[in-house]
Amino acid sequence: MERKLYIEAEGGTIAALLRRPAAEGCPLVILMHGFMSNKGLEPLKSIAKALEEVGIASLSMDFDGHGESYGRFRDMTVPKEIEDARRVYEYASKLPWVKGISFLGHSQGAVVAGMLAGTLGKDKVDCLVQLAPAAVLKDDALDGVLMGRKYDPQNPPETLWVLFHKVGKGYFLAAQTLPIYDTSALYEGPVLLVHGREDKIVPLRYSERYDSLYKDSRLIVLDGEGHLMRRCRAQITATSTDFIKQRYGL
């Protein structure tokens, strides 16, 4: 069963897509997309379908400025995305049929998932999956570069065109001070990290650092895989689904 939801947030309405098995009660995974992506794209689309097939619900959300959610892309920041994800978590936690909540994120969405999991803790987030977590975004903001576009990090432009999108000054300033690893490392539940060895956008060392900080984590490195996770998609889908399935004893 699949249906659209609209969840109220501080800045406006968050669009989300719920996939729910026929079971009366089941776990739910909140899926968080990456920079310039949305709730209906891969690799999250395949993972949502696979989760449903094994009896696990999913809630895929559009962050502010993305997809069908509120706001302009130029006003998007990672702290705003964390707050969006928190609102979705609060909504999901009140659903009477939900028997536990986990997070799965890709790229920037994986950074959001990790930081929110660290804030909420293992009593509220049962497990965490991070696909190519883009912690590089902080270093890039400090260096004054975003996807090949350069700028003055001490005085970022009001907007910067990147792949047909305007990225706002607030994004760069917020990224420069994000406590990505410090916050994420507070999460003590089980974590699965998946990263492509050929990822040119987020080097493997960023997942390796996450893996060194978590208390209960596993890092899977995929040879020949890039950031968009197209080549090994079936393996990524199966590995992520199995990890969450085992967490719930299904």
C-alpha atoms as a PDB file:
ATOM      1  CA  MET A   1       0.000   0.000   0.000  1.00  0.00           C
ATOM      2  CA  GLU A   2       1.383   3.372  -1.007  1.00  0.00           C
ATOM      3  CA  ARG A   3      -0.009   6.834  -0.330  1.00  0.00           C
ATOM      4  CA  LYS A   4       1.103  10.433  -0.139  1.00  0.00           C
ATOM      5  CA  LEU A   5       1.235  12.284   3.155  1.00  0.00           C
ATOM      6  CA  TYR A   6       1.657  15.942   4.013  1.00  0.00           C
ATOM      7  CA  ILE A   7       3.285  16.717   7.358  1.00  0.00           C
ATOM      8  CA  GLU A   8       3.357  20.178   8.881  1.00  0.00           C
ATOM      9  CA  ALA A   9       6.767  21.620   9.719  1.00  0.00           C
ATOM     10  CA  GLU A  10       7.919  24.974  11.025  1.00  0.00           C
ATOM     11  CA  GLY A  11       8.503  26.398   7.560  1.00  0.00           C
ATOM     12  CA  GLY A  12       5.603  24.754   5.731  1.00  0.00           C
ATOM     13  CA  THR A  13       4.397  21.355   4.558  1.00  0.00           C
ATOM     14  CA  ILE A  14       6.641  18.325   4.078  1.00  0.00           C
ATOM     15  CA  ALA A  15       5.568  15.925   1.338  1.00  0.00           C
ATOM     16  CA  ALA A  16       6.143  12.246   2.054  1.00  0.00           C
ATOM     17  CA  LEU A  17       5.367   8.864   0.571  1.00  0.00           C
ATOM     18  CA  LEU A  18       4.267   6.028   2.850  1.00  0.00           C
ATOM     19  CA  ARG A  19       4.665   2.389   1.848  1.00  0.00           C
ATOM     20  CA  ARG A  20       3.038   0.043   4.316  1.00  0.00           C
ATOM     21  CA  PRO A  21       2.670  -3.750   4.324  1.00  0.00           C
ATOM     22  CA  ALA A  22      -0.698  -5.323   5.033  1.00  0.00           C
ATOM     23  CA  ALA A  23       0.317  -6.322   8.580  1.00  0.00           C
ATOM     24  CA  GLU A  24      -1.535  -4.610  11.416  1.00  0.00           C
ATOM     25  CA  GLY A  25       1.701  -3.526  13.091  1.00  0.00           C
ATOM     26  CA  CYS A  26       5.252  -3.287  11.783  1.00  0.00           C
ATOM     27  CA  PRO A  27       8.502  -1.312  12.003  1.00  0.00           C
ATOM     28  CA  LEU A  28       8.972   1.800   9.883  1.00  0.00           C
ATOM     29  CA  VAL A  29      12.084   3.258   8.233  1.00  0.00           C
ATOM     30  CA  ILE A  30      12.317   6.974   7.463  1.00  0.00           C
ATOM     31  CA  LEU A  31      14.149   7.392   4.153  1.00  0.00           C
ATOM     32  CA  MET A  32      16.143  10.580   3.561  1.00  0.00           C
ATOM     33  CA  HIS A  33      17.309  11.594   0.085  1.00  0.00           C
ATOM     34  CA  GLY A  34      20.407  13.503  -0.902  1.00  0.00           C
ATOM     35  CA  PHE A  35      21.286  16.947  -2.235  1.00  0.00           C
ATOM     36  CA  MET A  36      19.137  17.881  -5.282  1.00  0.00           C
ATOM     37  CA  SER A  37      17.237  14.572  -5.091  1.00  0.00           C
ATOM     38  CA  ASN A  38      13.711  13.727  -3.884  1.00  0.00           C
ATOM     39  CA  LYS A  39      11.622  11.024  -2.247  1.00  0.00           C
ATOM     40  CA  GLY A  40      10.831   9.158  -5.462  1.00  0.00           C
ATOM     41  CA  LEU A  41      14.344   8.622  -6.794  1.00  0.00           C
ATOM     42  CA  GLU A  42      16.905   5.847  -6.468  1.00  0.00           C
ATOM     43  CA  PRO A  43      18.422   4.278  -4.502  1.00  0.00           C
ATOM     44  CA  LEU A  44      15.639   4.941  -1.966  1.00  0.00           C
ATOM     45  CA  LYS A  45      12.842   3.910  -4.330  1.00  0.00           C
ATOM     46  CA  SER A  46      14.127   0.340  -4.647  1.00  0.00           C
ATOM     47  CA  ILE A  47      14.844   0.103  -0.930  1.00  0.00           C
ATOM     48  CA  ALA A  48      11.321   1.220  -0.014  1.00  0.00           C
ATOM     49  CA  LYS A  49       9.847  -1.491  -2.220  1.00  0.00           C
ATOM     50  CA  ALA A  50      12.169  -4.160  -0.802  1.00  0.00           C
ATOM     51  CA  LEU A  51      11.347  -3.168   2.780  1.00  0.00           C
ATOM     52  CA  GLU A  52       7.640  -3.516   2.108  1.00  0.00           C
ATOM     53  CA  GLU A  53       8.178  -6.993   0.691  1.00  0.00           C
ATOM     54  CA  VAL A  54       9.737  -8.155   3.977  1.00  0.00           C
ATOM     55  CA  GLY A  55       7.069  -6.592   6.184  1.00  0.00           C
ATOM     56  CA  ILE A  56       8.641  -3.208   6.976  1.00  0.00           C
ATOM     57  CA  ALA A  57       6.999   0.135   6.254  1.00  0.00           C
ATOM     58  CA  SER A  58       8.861   3.164   4.924  1.00  0.00           C
ATOM     59  CA  LEU A  59       8.249   6.885   4.915  1.00  0.00           C
ATOM     60  CA  SER A  60      10.184   8.702   2.178  1.00  0.00           C
ATOM     61  CA  MET A  61      10.289  12.457   2.660  1.00  0.00           C
ATOM     62  CA  ASP A  62      11.083  15.473   0.513  1.00  0.00           C
ATOM     63  CA  PHE A  63      13.312  17.935   2.352  1.00  0.00           C
ATOM     64  CA  ASP A  64      12.538  21.646   2.146  1.00  0.00           C
ATOM     65  CA  GLY A  65      13.179  23.071  -1.307  1.00  0.00           C
ATOM     66  CA  HIS A  66      13.093  19.589  -2.857  1.00  0.00           C
ATOM     67  CA  GLY A  67      10.356  17.656  -4.616  1.00  0.00           C
ATOM     68  CA  GLU A  68       6.866  18.602  -3.433  1.00  0.00           C
ATOM     69  CA  SER A  69       7.845  20.053  -0.061  1.00  0.00           C
ATOM     70  CA  TYR A  70       7.710  23.666   1.049  1.00  0.00           C
ATOM     71  CA  GLY A  71      10.295  26.350   0.425  1.00  0.00           C
ATOM     72  CA  ARG A  72      12.881  27.381  -2.117  1.00  0.00           C
ATOM     73  CA  PHE A  73      16.024  25.400  -2.801  1.00  0.00           C
ATOM     74  CA  ARG A  74      18.139  28.504  -2.238  1.00  0.00           C
ATOM     75  CA  ASP A  75      16.930  28.663   1.390  1.00  0.00           C
ATOM     76  CA  MET A  76      17.745  25.020   2.165  1.00  0.00           C
ATOM     77  CA  THR A  77      20.365  24.218   4.832  1.00  0.00           C
ATOM     78  CA  VAL A  78      21.380  21.012   6.567  1.00  0.00           C
ATOM     79  CA  PRO A  79      20.066  22.213   9.979  1.00  0.00           C
ATOM     80  CA  LYS A  80      16.689  22.865   8.315  1.00  0.00           C
ATOM     81  CA  GLU A  81      16.743  19.361   6.880  1.00  0.00           C
ATOM     82  CA  ILE A  82      17.483  17.934  10.321  1.00  0.00           C
ATOM     83  CA  GLU A  83      14.452  19.788  11.664  1.00  0.00           C
ATOM     84  CA  ASP A  84      12.327  18.491   8.766  1.00  0.00           C
ATOM     85  CA  ALA A  85      13.421  14.933   9.576  1.00  0.00           C
ATOM     86  CA  ARG A  86      12.638  15.492  13.231  1.00  0.00           C
ATOM     87  CA  ARG A  87       9.097  16.553  12.339  1.00  0.00           C
ATOM     88  CA  VAL A  88       8.652  13.440  10.226  1.00  0.00           C
ATOM     89  CA  TYR A  89       9.976  11.308  13.077  1.00  0.00           C
ATOM     90  CA  GLU A  90       7.521  12.915  15.491  1.00  0.00           C
ATOM     91  CA  TYR A  91       4.676  12.229  13.063  1.00  0.00           C
ATOM     92  CA  ALA A  92       5.705   8.592  12.560  1.00  0.00           C
ATOM     93  CA  SER A  93       6.184   7.958  16.277  1.00  0.00           C
ATOM     94  CA  LYS A  94       2.504   8.781  16.871  1.00  0.00           C
ATOM     95  CA  LEU A  95       1.167   6.281  14.344  1.00  0.00           C
ATOM     96  CA  PRO A  96      -0.474   3.501  16.404  1.00  0.00           C
ATOM     97  CA  TRP A  97       0.651   0.676  14.133  1.00  0.00           C
ATOM     98  CA  VAL A  98       4.358   1.584  14.095  1.00  0.00           C
ATOM     99  CA  LYS A  99       6.430  -0.900  16.129  1.00  0.00           C
ATOM    100  CA  GLY A 100       9.776   0.865  16.038  1.00  0.00           C
ATOM    101  CA  ILE A 101      11.526   3.443  13.839  1.00  0.00           C
ATOM    102  CA  SER A 102      14.858   3.355  12.004  1.00  0.00           C
ATOM    103  CA  PHE A 103      16.622   5.776   9.662  1.00  0.00           C
ATOM    104  CA  LEU A 104      18.191   5.312   6.237  1.00  0.00           C
ATOM    105  CA  GLY A 105      19.783   8.143   4.292  1.00  0.00           C
ATOM    106  CA  HIS A 106      21.802   8.654   1.136  1.00  0.00           C
ATOM    107  CA  SER A 107      24.516  11.300   0.676  1.00  0.00           C
ATOM    108  CA  GLN A 108      23.451  14.538   2.414  1.00  0.00           C
ATOM    109  CA  GLY A 109      20.396  12.660   3.679  1.00  0.00           C
ATOM    110  CA  ALA A 110      22.770  10.220   5.365  1.00  0.00           C
ATOM    111  CA  VAL A 111      24.429  13.115   7.188  1.00  0.00           C
ATOM    112  CA  VAL A 112      20.999  14.284   8.357  1.00  0.00           C
ATOM    113  CA  ALA A 113      20.042  10.753   9.415  1.00  0.00           C
ATOM    114  CA  GLY A 114      23.255  10.316  11.394  1.00  0.00           C
ATOM    115  CA  MET A 115      23.016  13.644  13.199  1.00  0.00           C
ATOM    116  CA  LEU A 116      19.345  13.182  14.103  1.00  0.00           C
ATOM    117  CA  ALA A 117      19.993   9.614  15.276  1.00  0.00           C
ATOM    118  CA  GLY A 118      22.779  10.940  17.492  1.00  0.00           C
ATOM    119  CA  THR A 119      20.445  13.542  18.939  1.00  0.00           C
ATOM    120  CA  LEU A 120      17.526  11.162  19.541  1.00  0.00           C
ATOM    121  CA  GLY A 121      19.546   8.145  20.687  1.00  0.00           C
ATOM    122  CA  LYS A 122      19.147   4.391  20.353  1.00  0.00           C
ATOM    123  CA  ASP A 123      16.008   4.301  22.516  1.00  0.00           C
ATOM    124  CA  LYS A 124      14.153   6.178  19.780  1.00  0.00           C
ATOM    125  CA  VAL A 125      16.038   5.078  16.656  1.00  0.00           C
ATOM    126  CA  ASP A 126      16.421   1.313  16.393  1.00  0.00           C
ATOM    127  CA  CYS A 127      19.113   1.258  13.713  1.00  0.00           C
ATOM    128  CA  LEU A 128      20.757   3.483  11.133  1.00  0.00           C
ATOM    129  CA  VAL A 129      21.835   2.944   7.516  1.00  0.00           C
ATOM    130  CA  GLN A 130      24.081   5.525   5.843  1.00  0.00           C
ATOM    131  CA  LEU A 131      24.719   5.232   2.122  1.00  0.00           C
ATOM    132  CA  ALA A 132      27.704   7.313   0.968  1.00  0.00           C
ATOM    133  CA  PRO A 133      27.268   9.828   3.817  1.00  0.00           C
ATOM    134  CA  ALA A 134      28.380  13.217   2.516  1.00  0.00           C
ATOM    135  CA  ALA A 135      30.273  14.551   5.525  1.00  0.00           C
ATOM    136  CA  VAL A 136      32.571  16.103   2.917  1.00  0.00           C
ATOM    137  CA  LEU A 137      30.034  18.929   2.690  1.00  0.00           C
ATOM    138  CA  LYS A 138      31.606  20.627   5.706  1.00  0.00           C
ATOM    139  CA  ASP A 139      35.138  20.448   4.331  1.00  0.00           C
ATOM    140  CA  ASP A 140      33.909  21.656   0.949  1.00  0.00           C
ATOM    141  CA  ALA A 141      32.201  24.649   2.580  1.00  0.00           C
ATOM    142  CA  LEU A 142      35.382  25.515   4.457  1.00  0.00           C
ATOM    143  CA  ASP A 143      37.398  25.210   1.223  1.00  0.00           C
ATOM    144  CA  GLY A 144      34.900  27.217  -0.842  1.00  0.00           C
ATOM    145  CA  VAL A 145      33.892  24.576  -3.385  1.00  0.00           C
ATOM    146  CA  LEU A 146      30.632  22.847  -4.256  1.00  0.00           C
ATOM    147  CA  MET A 147      30.434  20.293  -7.054  1.00  0.00           C
ATOM    148  CA  GLY A 148      33.219  22.002  -8.979  1.00  0.00           C
ATOM    149  CA  ARG A 149      32.021  25.570  -8.413  1.00  0.00           C
ATOM    150  CA  LYS A 150      34.400  27.739  -6.376  1.00  0.00           C
ATOM    151  CA  TYR A 151      33.656  30.711  -4.153  1.00  0.00           C
ATOM    152  CA  ASP A 152      35.190  32.701  -1.307  1.00  0.00           C
ATOM    153  CA  PRO A 153      34.481  30.688   1.877  1.00  0.00           C
ATOM    154  CA  GLN A 154      35.077  33.782   4.010  1.00  0.00           C
ATOM    155  CA  ASN A 155      32.419  35.683   2.082  1.00  0.00           C
ATOM    156  CA  PRO A 156      30.092  33.256   0.297  1.00  0.00           C
ATOM    157  CA  PRO A 157      27.873  34.653  -2.463  1.00  0.00           C
ATOM    158  CA  GLU A 158      24.200  35.279  -1.780  1.00  0.00           C
ATOM    159  CA  THR A 159      23.482  32.523  -4.307  1.00  0.00           C
ATOM    160  CA  LEU A 160      25.615  30.159  -6.376  1.00  0.00           C
ATOM    161  CA  TRP A 161      24.333  28.340  -9.461  1.00  0.00           C
ATOM    162  CA  VAL A 162      25.077  24.630  -9.196  1.00  0.00           C
ATOM    163  CA  LEU A 163      23.593  22.219 -11.737  1.00  0.00           C
ATOM    164  CA  PHE A 164      20.598  24.442 -12.532  1.00  0.00           C
ATOM    165  CA  HIS A 165      19.924  25.132  -8.838  1.00  0.00           C
ATOM    166  CA  LYS A 166      20.614  28.241  -6.785  1.00  0.00           C
ATOM    167  CA  VAL A 167      22.365  27.379  -3.518  1.00  0.00           C
ATOM    168  CA  GLY A 168      22.049  30.128  -0.907  1.00  0.00           C
ATOM    169  CA  LYS A 169      24.642  31.733   1.329  1.00  0.00           C
ATOM    170  CA  GLY A 170      22.976  30.262   4.406  1.00  0.00           C
ATOM    171  CA  TYR A 171      23.773  26.755   3.182  1.00  0.00           C
ATOM    172  CA  PHE A 172      27.495  27.455   3.057  1.00  0.00           C
ATOM    173  CA  LEU A 173      27.639  29.263   6.399  1.00  0.00           C
ATOM    174  CA  ALA A 174      25.677  26.538   8.185  1.00  0.00           C
ATOM    175  CA  ALA A 175      27.782  23.775   6.639  1.00  0.00           C
ATOM    176  CA  GLN A 176      31.032  25.365   7.847  1.00  0.00           C
ATOM    177  CA  THR A 177      30.103  24.893  11.512  1.00  0.00           C
ATOM    178  CA  LEU A 178      28.164  21.619  11.444  1.00  0.00           C
ATOM    179  CA  PRO A 179      29.258  19.203  14.222  1.00  0.00           C
ATOM    180  CA  ILE A 180      28.675  16.263  11.911  1.00  0.00           C
ATOM    181  CA  TYR A 181      30.843  13.595  13.498  1.00  0.00           C
ATOM    182  CA  ASP A 182      30.524  14.790  17.094  1.00  0.00           C
ATOM    183  CA  THR A 183      26.737  14.609  16.937  1.00  0.00           C
ATOM    184  CA  SER A 184      26.503  11.392  14.929  1.00  0.00           C
ATOM    185  CA  ALA A 185      28.942   9.567  17.234  1.00  0.00           C
ATOM    186  CA  LEU A 186      26.464   9.969  20.090  1.00  0.00           C
ATOM    187  CA  TYR A 187      24.322   7.279  18.481  1.00  0.00           C
ATOM    188  CA  GLU A 188      25.058   3.933  20.110  1.00  0.00           C
ATOM    189  CA  GLY A 189      22.685   1.698  18.159  1.00  0.00           C
ATOM    190  CA  PRO A 190      23.664  -0.538  15.224  1.00  0.00           C
ATOM    191  CA  VAL A 191      24.867   1.254  12.090  1.00  0.00           C
ATOM    192  CA  LEU A 192      25.430   0.034   8.541  1.00  0.00           C
ATOM    193  CA  LEU A 193      27.654   2.146   6.304  1.00  0.00           C
ATOM    194  CA  VAL A 194      27.792   1.461   2.552  1.00  0.00           C
ATOM    195  CA  HIS A 195      30.220   3.299   0.290  1.00  0.00           C
ATOM    196  CA  GLY A 196      31.464   2.944  -3.274  1.00  0.00           C
ATOM    197  CA  ARG A 197      35.204   2.769  -3.716  1.00  0.00           C
ATOM    198  CA  GLU A 198      34.925   4.841  -6.915  1.00  0.00           C
ATOM    199  CA  ASP A 199      32.852   7.606  -5.319  1.00  0.00           C
ATOM    200  CA  LYS A 200      34.284  10.855  -6.732  1.00  0.00           C
ATOM    201  CA  ILE A 201      31.899  13.143  -4.840  1.00  0.00           C
ATOM    202  CA  VAL A 202      32.364  11.753  -1.326  1.00  0.00           C
ATOM    203  CA  PRO A 203      35.686   9.945  -0.839  1.00  0.00           C
ATOM    204  CA  LEU A 204      35.619   6.675   1.072  1.00  0.00           C
ATOM    205  CA  ARG A 205      37.584   8.148   3.986  1.00  0.00           C
ATOM    206  CA  TYR A 206      34.452   9.938   5.205  1.00  0.00           C
ATOM    207  CA  SER A 207      32.632   6.651   5.812  1.00  0.00           C
ATOM    208  CA  GLU A 208      35.803   5.194   7.310  1.00  0.00           C
ATOM    209  CA  ARG A 209      35.822   7.999   9.852  1.00  0.00           C
ATOM    210  CA  TYR A 210      32.178   7.379  10.740  1.00  0.00           C
ATOM    211  CA  ASP A 211      33.010   3.701  11.179  1.00  0.00           C
ATOM    212  CA  SER A 212      35.876   4.527  13.541  1.00  0.00           C
ATOM    213  CA  LEU A 213      33.637   6.646  15.769  1.00  0.00           C
ATOM    214  CA  TYR A 214      30.507   4.522  16.122  1.00  0.00           C
ATOM    215  CA  LYS A 215      30.351   1.909  18.873  1.00  0.00           C
ATOM    216  CA  ASP A 216      28.422  -0.642  16.813  1.00  0.00           C
ATOM    217  CA  SER A 217      28.984  -0.226  13.087  1.00  0.00           C
ATOM    218  CA  ARG A 218      29.836  -2.153   9.951  1.00  0.00           C
ATOM    219  CA  LEU A 219      31.285  -0.643   6.782  1.00  0.00           C
ATOM    220  CA  ILE A 220      30.721  -2.284   3.405  1.00  0.00           C
ATOM    221  CA  VAL A 221      32.899  -1.007   0.549  1.00  0.00           C
ATOM    222  CA  LEU A 222      31.707  -1.741  -2.980  1.00  0.00           C
ATOM    223  CA  ASP A 223      34.354  -1.995  -5.704  1.00  0.00           C
ATOM    224  CA  GLY A 224      33.480  -0.128  -8.874  1.00  0.00           C
ATOM    225  CA  GLU A 225      30.567   1.744  -7.293  1.00  0.00           C
ATOM    226  CA  GLY A 226      30.130   5.509  -7.494  1.00  0.00           C
ATOM    227  CA  HIS A 227      28.180   8.051  -5.497  1.00  0.00           C
ATOM    228  CA  LEU A 228      24.791   7.529  -7.171  1.00  0.00           C
ATOM    229  CA  MET A 229      24.965   3.797  -6.432  1.00  0.00           C
ATOM    230  CA  ARG A 230      23.785   2.574  -9.812  1.00  0.00           C
ATOM    231  CA  ARG A 231      26.121  -0.328 -10.529  1.00  0.00           C
ATOM    232  CA  CYS A 232      25.538  -2.354  -7.356  1.00  0.00           C
ATOM    233  CA  ARG A 233      21.969  -1.225  -6.670  1.00  0.00           C
ATOM    234  CA  ALA A 234      20.556  -4.720  -6.177  1.00  0.00           C
ATOM    235  CA  GLN A 235      23.299  -5.541  -3.664  1.00  0.00           C
ATOM    236  CA  ILE A 236      22.843  -2.229  -1.850  1.00  0.00           C
ATOM    237  CA  THR A 237      19.088  -2.766  -1.648  1.00  0.00           C
ATOM    238  CA  ALA A 238      19.419  -6.326  -0.377  1.00  0.00           C
ATOM    239  CA  THR A 239      22.176  -5.507   2.124  1.00  0.00           C
ATOM    240  CA  SER A 240      20.311  -2.526   3.579  1.00  0.00           C
ATOM    241  CA  THR A 241      17.031  -4.428   3.789  1.00  0.00           C
ATOM    242  CA  ASP A 242      18.630  -7.472   5.419  1.00  0.00           C
ATOM    243  CA  PHE A 243      20.371  -5.307   8.014  1.00  0.00           C
ATOM    244  CA  ILE A 244      17.105  -3.651   9.060  1.00  0.00           C
ATOM    245  CA  LYS A 245      15.179  -6.921   8.852  1.00  0.00           C
ATOM    246  CA  GLN A 246      17.644  -8.609  11.215  1.00  0.00           C
ATOM    247  CA  ARG A 247      17.384  -5.714  13.663  1.00  0.00           C
ATOM    248  CA  TYR A 248      13.679  -6.487  14.012  1.00  0.00           C
ATOM    249  CA  GLY A 249      14.040 -10.250  13.981  1.00  0.00           C
ATOM    250  CA  LEU A 250      11.967 -10.672  10.830  1.00  0.00           C
END
